[in-house]
């Protein structure tokens, strides 16, 4: 049975996935980096920004981007609990990405009006997410869980599911994933390298975003 939708999200998960070939997976340790980084990504054609909840500064970074970069769509990554979902929504996030899936996280995101890309790595997890009404899913960790071969195998029984493979995806193998008909986009950390952040090299981040935007999809 599908979960109860309490707030209508501004964007569906599939719309988030279809906006560009790559969703950047972003780890920020300094709030001062958030706004110029987001502006660089948007200038390069990447609007959906997954800021992971892996650092103490993540929520403040989301809030700064949401307030100062209206063309960006802020998302929260590494959402693992109802508390994470609520904090992300309060910080201005419009979508959430989870490393795994539970019905509690799914309901919490619906309560907060967040679109959710639930993480799955097995057929059983896909079925659990589908039972709750989710058909746009994150395949994580993609490379370690079977890569493109696994996605091809899932294309038969899960013909109605679209995936965003994340974990081990690089500029070198992104096209391999994106060539599959059941892949809507990929998630990758290479768009925002740690050294580019440390150096304030926003031009490099914009260039990486432009290159990612040009990767062809099926």
N, C-alpha and C. Protein backbone atom coordinates (compact mmCIF):
# COMPACT_ATOMS: atom_id res chain seq x y z
N UNK A 1 0.85 -1.20 0.00
CA UNK A 1 0.00 0.00 0.00
C UNK A 1 0.88 1.24 0.00
N UNK A 2 0.54 2.21 -0.85
CA UNK A 2 1.34 3.43 -0.93
C UNK A 2 1.20 4.24 0.36
N UNK A 3 2.25 4.97 0.67
CA UNK A 3 2.22 5.82 1.84
C UNK A 3 1.28 7.00 1.61
N UNK A 4 0.87 7.62 2.68
CA UNK A 4 -0.07 8.73 2.62
C UNK A 4 0.67 10.03 2.26
N UNK A 5 0.35 10.66 1.10
CA UNK A 5 1.00 11.93 0.77
C UNK A 5 0.34 13.08 1.53
N UNK A 6 1.10 13.79 2.34
CA UNK A 6 0.54 14.88 3.11
C UNK A 6 0.83 16.24 2.50
N UNK A 7 2.01 16.40 1.92
CA UNK A 7 2.37 17.64 1.25
C UNK A 7 2.80 17.31 -0.18
N UNK A 8 2.33 18.07 -1.12
CA UNK A 8 2.68 17.82 -2.51
C UNK A 8 4.05 18.42 -2.79
N UNK A 9 5.01 17.61 -3.23
CA UNK A 9 6.34 18.16 -3.51
C UNK A 9 6.30 19.07 -4.74
N UNK A 10 7.22 20.03 -4.78
CA UNK A 10 7.29 20.95 -5.92
C UNK A 10 7.75 20.23 -7.18
N UNK A 11 8.60 19.23 -7.00
CA UNK A 11 9.11 18.44 -8.11
C UNK A 11 8.96 16.97 -7.79
N UNK A 12 8.66 16.16 -8.79
CA UNK A 12 8.68 14.72 -8.57
C UNK A 12 10.13 14.23 -8.62
N UNK A 13 10.37 13.05 -8.07
CA UNK A 13 11.72 12.48 -8.10
C UNK A 13 12.18 12.28 -9.54
N UNK A 14 11.26 11.89 -10.42
CA UNK A 14 11.65 11.67 -11.81
C UNK A 14 12.04 12.98 -12.48
N UNK A 15 11.34 14.07 -12.15
CA UNK A 15 11.72 15.38 -12.69
C UNK A 15 13.11 15.79 -12.22
N UNK A 16 13.42 15.49 -10.98
CA UNK A 16 14.77 15.76 -10.47
C UNK A 16 15.80 14.99 -11.28
N UNK A 17 15.51 13.71 -11.53
CA UNK A 17 16.45 12.85 -12.23
C UNK A 17 16.60 13.22 -13.71
N UNK A 18 15.56 13.75 -14.31
CA UNK A 18 15.59 14.03 -15.75
C UNK A 18 16.14 15.42 -16.07
N UNK A 19 16.41 16.23 -15.08
CA UNK A 19 16.83 17.61 -15.34
C UNK A 19 18.19 17.68 -16.03
N UNK A 20 19.10 16.78 -15.68
CA UNK A 20 20.44 16.76 -16.27
C UNK A 20 20.97 15.34 -16.19
N UNK A 21 21.99 15.00 -16.97
CA UNK A 21 22.52 13.63 -16.92
C UNK A 21 23.17 13.26 -15.59
N UNK A 22 23.61 14.26 -14.83
CA UNK A 22 24.34 13.99 -13.58
C UNK A 22 23.78 14.84 -12.45
N UNK A 23 23.55 14.20 -11.30
CA UNK A 23 23.28 14.92 -10.06
C UNK A 23 24.58 14.93 -9.26
N UNK A 24 25.12 16.11 -8.96
CA UNK A 24 26.36 16.14 -8.18
C UNK A 24 26.13 15.72 -6.74
N UNK A 25 27.00 14.86 -6.25
CA UNK A 25 26.96 14.44 -4.84
C UNK A 25 28.01 15.29 -4.12
N UNK A 26 27.53 16.20 -3.26
CA UNK A 26 28.37 17.28 -2.75
C UNK A 26 28.63 17.12 -1.26
N UNK A 27 29.89 17.22 -0.89
CA UNK A 27 30.29 17.21 0.52
C UNK A 27 30.93 18.56 0.83
N UNK A 28 30.29 19.32 1.73
CA UNK A 28 30.77 20.67 2.06
C UNK A 28 31.17 20.76 3.52
N UNK A 29 32.36 21.29 3.73
CA UNK A 29 32.87 21.48 5.09
C UNK A 29 32.94 22.95 5.49
N UNK A 30 32.66 23.86 4.55
CA UNK A 30 32.79 25.28 4.81
C UNK A 30 31.59 25.99 4.18
N UNK A 31 30.80 26.67 4.99
CA UNK A 31 29.61 27.36 4.50
C UNK A 31 29.99 28.42 3.47
N UNK A 32 31.18 29.00 3.58
CA UNK A 32 31.60 30.03 2.63
C UNK A 32 31.73 29.49 1.21
N UNK A 33 31.89 28.18 1.07
CA UNK A 33 32.02 27.58 -0.26
C UNK A 33 30.67 27.34 -0.93
N UNK A 34 29.60 27.30 -0.15
CA UNK A 34 28.32 26.80 -0.66
C UNK A 34 27.77 27.64 -1.81
N UNK A 35 27.66 28.92 -1.63
CA UNK A 35 27.02 29.77 -2.63
C UNK A 35 27.84 29.89 -3.91
N UNK A 36 29.15 30.21 -3.84
CA UNK A 36 29.90 30.27 -5.11
C UNK A 36 29.96 28.93 -5.84
N UNK A 37 30.01 27.83 -5.08
CA UNK A 37 29.99 26.51 -5.72
C UNK A 37 28.67 26.28 -6.45
N UNK A 38 27.55 26.60 -5.78
CA UNK A 38 26.23 26.42 -6.38
C UNK A 38 26.08 27.29 -7.63
N UNK A 39 26.57 28.51 -7.56
CA UNK A 39 26.48 29.40 -8.73
C UNK A 39 27.29 28.85 -9.90
N UNK A 40 28.44 28.25 -9.60
CA UNK A 40 29.28 27.67 -10.66
C UNK A 40 28.57 26.48 -11.31
N UNK A 41 27.95 25.63 -10.51
CA UNK A 41 27.23 24.47 -11.05
C UNK A 41 26.05 24.92 -11.92
N UNK A 42 25.30 25.89 -11.43
CA UNK A 42 24.15 26.39 -12.19
C UNK A 42 24.62 27.03 -13.49
N UNK A 43 25.71 27.77 -13.44
CA UNK A 43 26.25 28.40 -14.66
C UNK A 43 26.65 27.33 -15.68
N UNK A 44 27.05 26.16 -15.19
CA UNK A 44 27.42 25.07 -16.07
C UNK A 44 26.25 24.21 -16.52
N UNK A 45 25.04 24.55 -16.06
CA UNK A 45 23.85 23.83 -16.50
C UNK A 45 23.35 22.75 -15.56
N UNK A 46 23.90 22.69 -14.35
CA UNK A 46 23.47 21.69 -13.37
C UNK A 46 22.72 22.40 -12.25
N UNK A 47 21.42 22.10 -12.12
CA UNK A 47 20.59 22.81 -11.13
C UNK A 47 20.24 21.97 -9.91
N UNK A 48 20.15 20.64 -10.08
CA UNK A 48 19.78 19.76 -8.98
C UNK A 48 21.02 19.44 -8.16
N UNK A 49 21.09 19.93 -6.95
CA UNK A 49 22.31 19.84 -6.15
C UNK A 49 22.06 19.01 -4.89
N UNK A 50 22.69 17.86 -4.83
CA UNK A 50 22.55 16.99 -3.65
C UNK A 50 23.67 17.29 -2.66
N UNK A 51 23.33 18.00 -1.61
CA UNK A 51 24.28 18.30 -0.53
C UNK A 51 24.13 17.23 0.54
N UNK A 52 25.14 16.44 0.73
CA UNK A 52 25.04 15.30 1.64
C UNK A 52 25.10 15.72 3.10
N UNK A 53 24.34 15.01 3.93
CA UNK A 53 24.34 15.28 5.37
C UNK A 53 25.49 14.51 6.04
N UNK A 54 26.68 14.74 5.54
CA UNK A 54 27.85 14.05 6.06
C UNK A 54 28.76 14.96 6.88
N UNK A 55 28.43 16.23 6.93
CA UNK A 55 29.25 17.17 7.69
C UNK A 55 28.36 18.02 8.58
N UNK A 56 28.90 18.57 9.66
CA UNK A 56 28.10 19.42 10.54
C UNK A 56 27.61 20.69 9.85
N UNK A 57 28.27 21.08 8.75
CA UNK A 57 27.93 22.33 8.07
C UNK A 57 26.87 22.14 6.98
N UNK A 58 26.48 20.91 6.72
CA UNK A 58 25.64 20.63 5.55
C UNK A 58 24.33 21.41 5.56
N UNK A 59 23.62 21.43 6.67
CA UNK A 59 22.33 22.12 6.71
C UNK A 59 22.48 23.62 6.50
N UNK A 60 23.51 24.20 7.09
CA UNK A 60 23.75 25.64 6.89
C UNK A 60 24.10 25.92 5.43
N UNK A 61 24.80 25.00 4.79
CA UNK A 61 25.14 25.16 3.38
C UNK A 61 23.88 25.11 2.52
N UNK A 62 23.00 24.17 2.81
CA UNK A 62 21.73 24.08 2.07
C UNK A 62 20.94 25.37 2.20
N UNK A 63 20.86 25.88 3.41
CA UNK A 63 20.09 27.09 3.66
C UNK A 63 20.68 28.27 2.90
N UNK A 64 22.00 28.37 2.89
CA UNK A 64 22.66 29.47 2.19
C UNK A 64 22.38 29.41 0.69
N UNK A 65 22.47 28.21 0.12
CA UNK A 65 22.21 28.04 -1.32
C UNK A 65 20.76 28.36 -1.64
N UNK A 66 19.84 27.85 -0.84
CA UNK A 66 18.41 28.07 -1.09
C UNK A 66 18.06 29.55 -1.07
N UNK A 67 18.72 30.31 -0.22
CA UNK A 67 18.41 31.74 -0.10
C UNK A 67 19.09 32.57 -1.18
N UNK A 68 20.32 32.19 -1.55
CA UNK A 68 21.13 33.07 -2.40
C UNK A 68 21.18 32.65 -3.87
N UNK A 69 20.81 31.40 -4.18
CA UNK A 69 20.92 30.91 -5.56
C UNK A 69 19.55 30.37 -5.98
N UNK A 70 18.64 31.27 -6.39
CA UNK A 70 17.26 30.84 -6.68
C UNK A 70 17.15 29.87 -7.85
N UNK A 71 18.13 29.85 -8.74
CA UNK A 71 18.07 28.93 -9.88
C UNK A 71 18.50 27.51 -9.51
N UNK A 72 19.08 27.35 -8.34
CA UNK A 72 19.48 26.02 -7.88
C UNK A 72 18.30 25.35 -7.18
N UNK A 73 18.25 24.03 -7.29
CA UNK A 73 17.26 23.24 -6.54
C UNK A 73 18.04 22.41 -5.54
N UNK A 74 17.89 22.74 -4.27
CA UNK A 74 18.69 22.10 -3.23
C UNK A 74 18.08 20.77 -2.83
N UNK A 75 18.91 19.76 -2.77
CA UNK A 75 18.50 18.47 -2.27
C UNK A 75 19.39 18.04 -1.13
N UNK A 76 18.87 17.16 -0.30
CA UNK A 76 19.65 16.63 0.83
C UNK A 76 20.00 15.19 0.57
N UNK A 77 21.28 14.87 0.63
CA UNK A 77 21.72 13.49 0.49
C UNK A 77 21.98 12.87 1.85
N UNK A 78 22.12 11.57 1.88
CA UNK A 78 22.38 10.81 3.10
C UNK A 78 21.27 11.02 4.13
N UNK A 79 20.02 11.06 3.65
CA UNK A 79 18.87 11.16 4.55
C UNK A 79 18.55 9.76 5.07
N UNK A 80 18.68 9.58 6.37
CA UNK A 80 18.55 8.25 6.97
C UNK A 80 17.43 8.16 8.01
N UNK A 81 16.78 9.27 8.33
CA UNK A 81 15.78 9.26 9.40
C UNK A 81 14.76 10.36 9.18
N UNK A 82 13.67 10.28 9.95
CA UNK A 82 12.66 11.34 9.90
C UNK A 82 13.25 12.67 10.33
N UNK A 83 14.15 12.64 11.31
CA UNK A 83 14.79 13.88 11.76
C UNK A 83 15.62 14.51 10.65
N UNK A 84 16.31 13.68 9.88
CA UNK A 84 17.07 14.19 8.74
C UNK A 84 16.15 14.88 7.73
N UNK A 85 15.03 14.23 7.43
CA UNK A 85 14.09 14.78 6.46
C UNK A 85 13.54 16.12 6.93
N UNK A 86 13.18 16.21 8.18
CA UNK A 86 12.62 17.46 8.71
C UNK A 86 13.67 18.57 8.70
N UNK A 87 14.88 18.25 9.11
CA UNK A 87 15.94 19.26 9.14
C UNK A 87 16.26 19.74 7.73
N UNK A 88 16.27 18.81 6.77
CA UNK A 88 16.56 19.18 5.39
C UNK A 88 15.49 20.10 4.83
N UNK A 89 14.22 19.77 5.09
CA UNK A 89 13.12 20.61 4.60
C UNK A 89 13.20 22.00 5.22
N UNK A 90 13.51 22.06 6.50
CA UNK A 90 13.62 23.35 7.19
C UNK A 90 14.78 24.19 6.64
N UNK A 91 15.79 23.51 6.08
CA UNK A 91 16.94 24.22 5.52
C UNK A 91 16.72 24.63 4.07
N UNK A 92 15.57 24.28 3.50
CA UNK A 92 15.25 24.70 2.14
C UNK A 92 15.39 23.63 1.09
N UNK A 93 15.64 22.39 1.49
CA UNK A 93 15.75 21.31 0.51
C UNK A 93 14.40 21.03 -0.13
N UNK A 94 14.42 20.68 -1.42
CA UNK A 94 13.20 20.32 -2.14
C UNK A 94 13.14 18.83 -2.48
N UNK A 95 14.28 18.16 -2.37
CA UNK A 95 14.27 16.72 -2.58
C UNK A 95 15.26 16.06 -1.63
N UNK A 96 15.10 14.76 -1.46
CA UNK A 96 15.97 14.01 -0.56
C UNK A 96 16.47 12.77 -1.29
N UNK A 97 17.65 12.33 -0.89
CA UNK A 97 18.26 11.13 -1.44
C UNK A 97 18.72 10.30 -0.25
N UNK A 98 18.34 9.02 -0.23
CA UNK A 98 18.71 8.17 0.91
C UNK A 98 19.63 7.05 0.45
N UNK A 99 20.54 6.60 1.32
CA UNK A 99 21.44 5.51 0.95
C UNK A 99 20.77 4.14 0.93
N UNK A 100 19.64 4.04 1.62
CA UNK A 100 18.82 2.83 1.67
C UNK A 100 17.37 3.26 1.73
N UNK A 101 16.48 2.33 2.07
CA UNK A 101 15.08 2.72 2.15
C UNK A 101 14.37 2.04 3.31
N UNK A 102 13.56 2.84 4.03
CA UNK A 102 12.59 2.33 4.99
C UNK A 102 11.29 3.11 4.78
N UNK A 103 10.19 2.49 5.14
CA UNK A 103 8.90 3.18 5.02
C UNK A 103 8.86 4.42 5.91
N UNK A 104 9.56 4.38 7.04
CA UNK A 104 9.57 5.53 7.94
C UNK A 104 10.22 6.74 7.26
N UNK A 105 11.32 6.51 6.54
CA UNK A 105 11.96 7.61 5.82
C UNK A 105 11.06 8.08 4.68
N UNK A 106 10.43 7.14 3.99
CA UNK A 106 9.52 7.52 2.93
C UNK A 106 8.38 8.38 3.42
N UNK A 107 7.77 7.99 4.52
CA UNK A 107 6.66 8.77 5.07
C UNK A 107 7.13 10.12 5.58
N UNK A 108 8.30 10.17 6.20
CA UNK A 108 8.83 11.44 6.70
C UNK A 108 9.04 12.43 5.57
N UNK A 109 9.55 11.95 4.44
CA UNK A 109 9.76 12.84 3.30
C UNK A 109 8.42 13.34 2.76
N UNK A 110 7.43 12.47 2.72
CA UNK A 110 6.10 12.90 2.27
C UNK A 110 5.51 13.92 3.24
N UNK A 111 5.71 13.69 4.52
CA UNK A 111 5.21 14.64 5.52
C UNK A 111 5.81 16.03 5.32
N UNK A 112 7.07 16.06 4.87
CA UNK A 112 7.78 17.33 4.70
C UNK A 112 7.66 17.91 3.29
N UNK A 113 6.99 17.19 2.38
CA UNK A 113 6.86 17.68 1.01
C UNK A 113 8.13 17.53 0.20
N UNK A 114 8.96 16.55 0.58
CA UNK A 114 10.21 16.31 -0.14
C UNK A 114 10.05 15.16 -1.13
N UNK A 115 10.45 15.36 -2.37
CA UNK A 115 10.58 14.23 -3.28
C UNK A 115 11.73 13.37 -2.79
N UNK A 116 11.61 12.06 -2.94
CA UNK A 116 12.65 11.16 -2.42
C UNK A 116 13.14 10.23 -3.51
N UNK A 117 14.46 10.13 -3.61
CA UNK A 117 15.12 9.09 -4.40
C UNK A 117 15.64 8.06 -3.41
N UNK A 118 14.90 6.98 -3.18
CA UNK A 118 15.32 5.98 -2.19
C UNK A 118 16.46 5.13 -2.73
N UNK A 119 17.40 4.81 -1.87
CA UNK A 119 18.52 3.96 -2.26
C UNK A 119 18.14 2.49 -2.22
N UNK A 120 18.50 1.75 -3.27
CA UNK A 120 18.25 0.31 -3.32
C UNK A 120 19.48 -0.39 -3.88
N UNK A 121 19.67 -1.64 -3.47
CA UNK A 121 20.78 -2.44 -3.99
C UNK A 121 20.37 -3.86 -4.32
N UNK A 122 19.11 -4.21 -4.01
CA UNK A 122 18.63 -5.58 -4.27
C UNK A 122 17.21 -5.53 -4.82
N UNK A 123 16.79 -6.65 -5.41
CA UNK A 123 15.43 -6.75 -5.91
C UNK A 123 14.39 -6.59 -4.82
N UNK A 124 14.66 -7.14 -3.65
CA UNK A 124 13.71 -7.02 -2.54
C UNK A 124 13.53 -5.57 -2.12
N UNK A 125 14.62 -4.80 -2.11
CA UNK A 125 14.53 -3.38 -1.74
C UNK A 125 13.73 -2.60 -2.77
N UNK A 126 13.90 -2.94 -4.05
CA UNK A 126 13.11 -2.29 -5.09
C UNK A 126 11.63 -2.56 -4.86
N UNK A 127 11.29 -3.81 -4.54
CA UNK A 127 9.89 -4.16 -4.32
C UNK A 127 9.32 -3.44 -3.10
N UNK A 128 10.11 -3.29 -2.05
CA UNK A 128 9.65 -2.55 -0.87
C UNK A 128 9.37 -1.10 -1.21
N UNK A 129 10.28 -0.48 -1.99
CA UNK A 129 10.08 0.92 -2.38
C UNK A 129 8.86 1.05 -3.28
N UNK A 130 8.68 0.10 -4.20
CA UNK A 130 7.52 0.15 -5.09
C UNK A 130 6.22 0.00 -4.32
N UNK A 131 6.21 -0.83 -3.30
CA UNK A 131 5.00 -1.00 -2.48
C UNK A 131 4.57 0.32 -1.86
N UNK A 132 5.54 1.20 -1.61
CA UNK A 132 5.25 2.51 -1.02
C UNK A 132 5.08 3.59 -2.08
N UNK A 133 5.05 3.19 -3.35
CA UNK A 133 4.75 4.13 -4.41
C UNK A 133 5.95 4.76 -5.09
N UNK A 134 7.16 4.24 -4.83
CA UNK A 134 8.36 4.82 -5.42
C UNK A 134 8.82 4.02 -6.63
N UNK A 135 8.97 4.69 -7.76
CA UNK A 135 9.44 4.03 -8.98
C UNK A 135 10.64 4.74 -9.59
N UNK A 136 11.11 5.81 -8.97
CA UNK A 136 12.34 6.50 -9.38
C UNK A 136 13.33 6.32 -8.23
N UNK A 137 14.34 5.47 -8.44
CA UNK A 137 15.17 5.01 -7.34
C UNK A 137 16.65 5.26 -7.58
N UNK A 138 17.38 5.37 -6.50
CA UNK A 138 18.84 5.47 -6.54
C UNK A 138 19.42 4.05 -6.39
N UNK A 139 20.28 3.66 -7.32
CA UNK A 139 20.97 2.37 -7.23
C UNK A 139 22.31 2.63 -6.56
N UNK A 140 22.46 2.14 -5.32
CA UNK A 140 23.65 2.47 -4.51
C UNK A 140 24.04 1.29 -3.62
N UNK A 141 25.34 1.02 -3.51
CA UNK A 141 26.46 1.59 -4.28
C UNK A 141 26.56 0.90 -5.64
N UNK A 142 26.42 1.64 -6.70
CA UNK A 142 26.18 1.08 -8.03
C UNK A 142 27.27 0.12 -8.48
N UNK A 143 28.50 0.57 -8.42
CA UNK A 143 29.58 -0.27 -8.96
C UNK A 143 29.75 -1.53 -8.11
N UNK A 144 29.72 -1.37 -6.81
CA UNK A 144 29.94 -2.49 -5.90
C UNK A 144 28.76 -3.47 -5.89
N UNK A 145 27.57 -3.00 -6.26
CA UNK A 145 26.37 -3.84 -6.21
C UNK A 145 26.03 -4.49 -7.55
N UNK A 146 26.93 -4.39 -8.52
CA UNK A 146 26.69 -5.09 -9.78
C UNK A 146 26.76 -4.24 -11.03
N UNK A 147 26.85 -2.91 -10.86
CA UNK A 147 27.06 -2.02 -11.99
C UNK A 147 26.01 -2.10 -13.07
N UNK A 148 26.44 -1.83 -14.30
CA UNK A 148 25.50 -1.80 -15.43
C UNK A 148 24.90 -3.17 -15.71
N UNK A 149 25.65 -4.25 -15.41
CA UNK A 149 25.12 -5.59 -15.63
C UNK A 149 23.89 -5.84 -14.75
N UNK A 150 23.93 -5.36 -13.51
CA UNK A 150 22.78 -5.52 -12.63
C UNK A 150 21.58 -4.73 -13.14
N UNK A 151 21.83 -3.51 -13.60
CA UNK A 151 20.74 -2.69 -14.12
C UNK A 151 20.10 -3.33 -15.36
N UNK A 152 20.93 -3.92 -16.21
CA UNK A 152 20.39 -4.63 -17.38
C UNK A 152 19.50 -5.79 -16.94
N UNK A 153 19.94 -6.53 -15.93
CA UNK A 153 19.16 -7.67 -15.43
C UNK A 153 17.83 -7.20 -14.83
N UNK A 154 17.84 -6.05 -14.16
CA UNK A 154 16.62 -5.53 -13.55
C UNK A 154 15.64 -4.98 -14.59
N UNK A 155 16.13 -4.70 -15.80
CA UNK A 155 15.27 -4.11 -16.82
C UNK A 155 14.06 -4.97 -17.16
N UNK A 156 14.18 -6.29 -16.99
CA UNK A 156 13.05 -7.17 -17.26
C UNK A 156 12.00 -7.13 -16.17
N UNK A 157 12.31 -7.63 -14.97
CA UNK A 157 11.29 -7.69 -13.91
C UNK A 157 10.86 -6.32 -13.41
N UNK A 158 11.75 -5.33 -13.49
CA UNK A 158 11.42 -3.99 -12.99
C UNK A 158 11.39 -2.99 -14.15
N UNK A 159 10.61 -3.36 -15.17
CA UNK A 159 10.54 -2.57 -16.41
C UNK A 159 9.98 -1.17 -16.18
N UNK A 160 9.26 -0.97 -15.07
CA UNK A 160 8.59 0.30 -14.80
C UNK A 160 9.37 1.18 -13.82
N UNK A 161 10.64 0.84 -13.56
CA UNK A 161 11.46 1.59 -12.61
C UNK A 161 12.56 2.32 -13.36
N UNK A 162 12.84 3.56 -12.94
CA UNK A 162 13.96 4.32 -13.48
C UNK A 162 14.98 4.51 -12.36
N UNK A 163 16.25 4.45 -12.72
CA UNK A 163 17.32 4.45 -11.72
C UNK A 163 18.28 5.61 -11.89
N UNK A 164 18.87 5.99 -10.77
CA UNK A 164 20.00 6.91 -10.73
C UNK A 164 21.15 6.17 -10.05
N UNK A 165 22.04 5.52 -10.82
CA UNK A 165 23.17 4.83 -10.21
C UNK A 165 24.15 5.82 -9.57
N UNK A 166 24.55 5.54 -8.37
CA UNK A 166 25.48 6.38 -7.63
C UNK A 166 26.43 5.47 -6.85
N UNK A 167 27.69 5.87 -6.79
CA UNK A 167 28.69 5.08 -6.07
C UNK A 167 29.62 4.40 -7.05
N UNK A 168 30.79 4.98 -7.24
CA UNK A 168 31.74 4.44 -8.20
C UNK A 168 31.52 4.95 -9.62
N UNK A 169 30.59 5.87 -9.81
CA UNK A 169 30.35 6.44 -11.14
C UNK A 169 31.37 7.56 -11.38
N UNK A 170 31.98 7.53 -12.55
CA UNK A 170 33.03 8.49 -12.90
C UNK A 170 32.76 9.04 -14.30
N UNK A 171 33.52 10.06 -14.72
CA UNK A 171 33.35 10.54 -16.10
C UNK A 171 33.66 9.46 -17.13
N UNK A 172 34.47 8.50 -16.73
CA UNK A 172 34.87 7.43 -17.66
C UNK A 172 33.77 6.38 -17.85
N UNK A 173 32.98 6.10 -16.83
CA UNK A 173 31.96 5.06 -16.98
C UNK A 173 30.53 5.59 -16.96
N UNK A 174 30.36 6.92 -16.83
CA UNK A 174 29.01 7.48 -16.76
C UNK A 174 28.20 7.15 -18.01
N UNK A 175 28.84 7.22 -19.19
CA UNK A 175 28.11 6.96 -20.44
C UNK A 175 27.61 5.52 -20.50
N UNK A 176 28.38 4.61 -19.91
CA UNK A 176 27.96 3.20 -19.89
C UNK A 176 26.63 3.04 -19.16
N UNK A 177 26.51 3.73 -18.03
CA UNK A 177 25.25 3.68 -17.27
C UNK A 177 24.14 4.42 -18.01
N UNK A 178 24.46 5.61 -18.52
CA UNK A 178 23.44 6.45 -19.14
C UNK A 178 22.92 5.89 -20.46
N UNK A 179 23.63 4.92 -21.02
CA UNK A 179 23.17 4.30 -22.27
C UNK A 179 22.04 3.31 -22.03
N UNK A 180 21.79 2.97 -20.78
CA UNK A 180 20.75 2.00 -20.45
C UNK A 180 19.38 2.67 -20.42
N UNK A 181 18.35 2.03 -20.96
CA UNK A 181 17.04 2.67 -21.03
C UNK A 181 16.38 2.89 -19.67
N UNK A 182 16.79 2.13 -18.66
CA UNK A 182 16.17 2.31 -17.34
C UNK A 182 16.98 3.24 -16.43
N UNK A 183 17.97 3.93 -16.98
CA UNK A 183 18.76 4.90 -16.21
C UNK A 183 18.38 6.31 -16.64
N UNK A 184 17.89 7.11 -15.70
CA UNK A 184 17.49 8.48 -16.00
C UNK A 184 18.65 9.46 -15.83
N UNK A 185 19.54 9.18 -14.89
CA UNK A 185 20.70 10.03 -14.64
C UNK A 185 21.66 9.24 -13.78
N UNK A 186 22.82 9.81 -13.49
CA UNK A 186 23.75 9.22 -12.54
C UNK A 186 24.07 10.23 -11.46
N UNK A 187 24.56 9.76 -10.34
CA UNK A 187 25.04 10.63 -9.29
C UNK A 187 26.55 10.53 -9.22
N UNK A 188 27.22 11.67 -9.09
CA UNK A 188 28.68 11.63 -9.08
C UNK A 188 29.28 12.75 -8.26
N UNK A 189 30.37 12.42 -7.59
CA UNK A 189 31.06 13.41 -6.75
C UNK A 189 32.13 14.17 -7.53
N UNK A 190 32.42 13.74 -8.77
CA UNK A 190 33.54 14.34 -9.49
C UNK A 190 33.28 15.79 -9.92
N UNK A 191 32.01 16.23 -9.91
CA UNK A 191 31.73 17.60 -10.33
C UNK A 191 32.22 18.63 -9.32
N UNK A 192 32.35 18.20 -8.07
CA UNK A 192 32.79 19.13 -7.01
C UNK A 192 33.96 18.51 -6.27
N UNK A 193 35.15 18.52 -6.88
CA UNK A 193 36.32 17.92 -6.23
C UNK A 193 36.72 18.70 -4.97
N UNK A 194 37.21 17.96 -3.99
CA UNK A 194 37.61 18.60 -2.73
C UNK A 194 38.69 19.65 -2.94
N UNK A 195 39.63 19.39 -3.85
CA UNK A 195 40.70 20.36 -4.05
C UNK A 195 40.20 21.62 -4.74
N UNK A 196 39.20 21.49 -5.62
CA UNK A 196 38.63 22.68 -6.26
C UNK A 196 37.90 23.54 -5.23
N UNK A 197 37.20 22.90 -4.30
CA UNK A 197 36.56 23.64 -3.22
C UNK A 197 37.59 24.37 -2.36
N UNK A 198 38.62 23.65 -1.97
CA UNK A 198 39.66 24.23 -1.09
C UNK A 198 40.34 25.43 -1.75
N UNK A 199 40.51 25.35 -3.08
CA UNK A 199 41.20 26.42 -3.81
C UNK A 199 40.25 27.51 -4.30
N UNK A 200 38.95 27.31 -4.11
CA UNK A 200 37.98 28.27 -4.63
C UNK A 200 38.00 28.33 -6.14
N UNK A 201 38.25 27.21 -6.77
CA UNK A 201 38.36 27.16 -8.24
C UNK A 201 36.97 26.94 -8.84
N UNK A 202 36.18 27.99 -8.82
CA UNK A 202 34.79 27.89 -9.29
C UNK A 202 34.74 27.71 -10.80
N UNK A 203 35.71 28.24 -11.51
CA UNK A 203 35.74 28.06 -12.97
C UNK A 203 35.89 26.58 -13.33
N UNK A 204 36.69 25.86 -12.55
CA UNK A 204 36.87 24.44 -12.81
C UNK A 204 35.57 23.68 -12.56
N UNK A 205 34.86 24.03 -11.49
CA UNK A 205 33.59 23.37 -11.19
C UNK A 205 32.57 23.67 -12.28
N UNK A 206 32.54 24.90 -12.76
CA UNK A 206 31.63 25.24 -13.85
C UNK A 206 31.97 24.42 -15.10
N UNK A 207 33.25 24.27 -15.39
CA UNK A 207 33.68 23.50 -16.56
C UNK A 207 33.26 22.03 -16.43
N UNK A 208 33.44 21.47 -15.25
CA UNK A 208 33.04 20.08 -15.01
C UNK A 208 31.53 19.91 -15.17
N UNK A 209 30.79 20.92 -14.72
CA UNK A 209 29.33 20.87 -14.86
C UNK A 209 28.94 20.92 -16.34
N UNK A 210 29.58 21.79 -17.11
CA UNK A 210 29.27 21.89 -18.55
C UNK A 210 29.56 20.56 -19.25
N UNK A 211 30.68 19.94 -18.90
CA UNK A 211 31.03 18.66 -19.50
C UNK A 211 30.02 17.58 -19.13
N UNK A 212 29.59 17.58 -17.86
CA UNK A 212 28.61 16.59 -17.41
C UNK A 212 27.27 16.78 -18.12
N UNK A 213 26.93 18.03 -18.35
CA UNK A 213 25.65 18.34 -19.01
C UNK A 213 25.62 17.76 -20.43
N UNK A 214 26.76 17.61 -21.04
CA UNK A 214 26.84 17.15 -22.43
C UNK A 214 26.86 15.63 -22.57
N UNK A 215 26.96 14.89 -21.46
CA UNK A 215 26.99 13.43 -21.56
C UNK A 215 25.64 12.94 -22.11
N UNK A 216 25.69 12.09 -23.10
CA UNK A 216 24.45 11.66 -23.76
C UNK A 216 23.76 10.57 -22.95
N UNK A 217 22.43 10.62 -23.00
CA UNK A 217 21.59 9.63 -22.35
C UNK A 217 20.88 8.77 -23.39
N UNK A 218 20.36 7.63 -22.94
CA UNK A 218 19.61 6.74 -23.85
C UNK A 218 18.36 7.44 -24.37
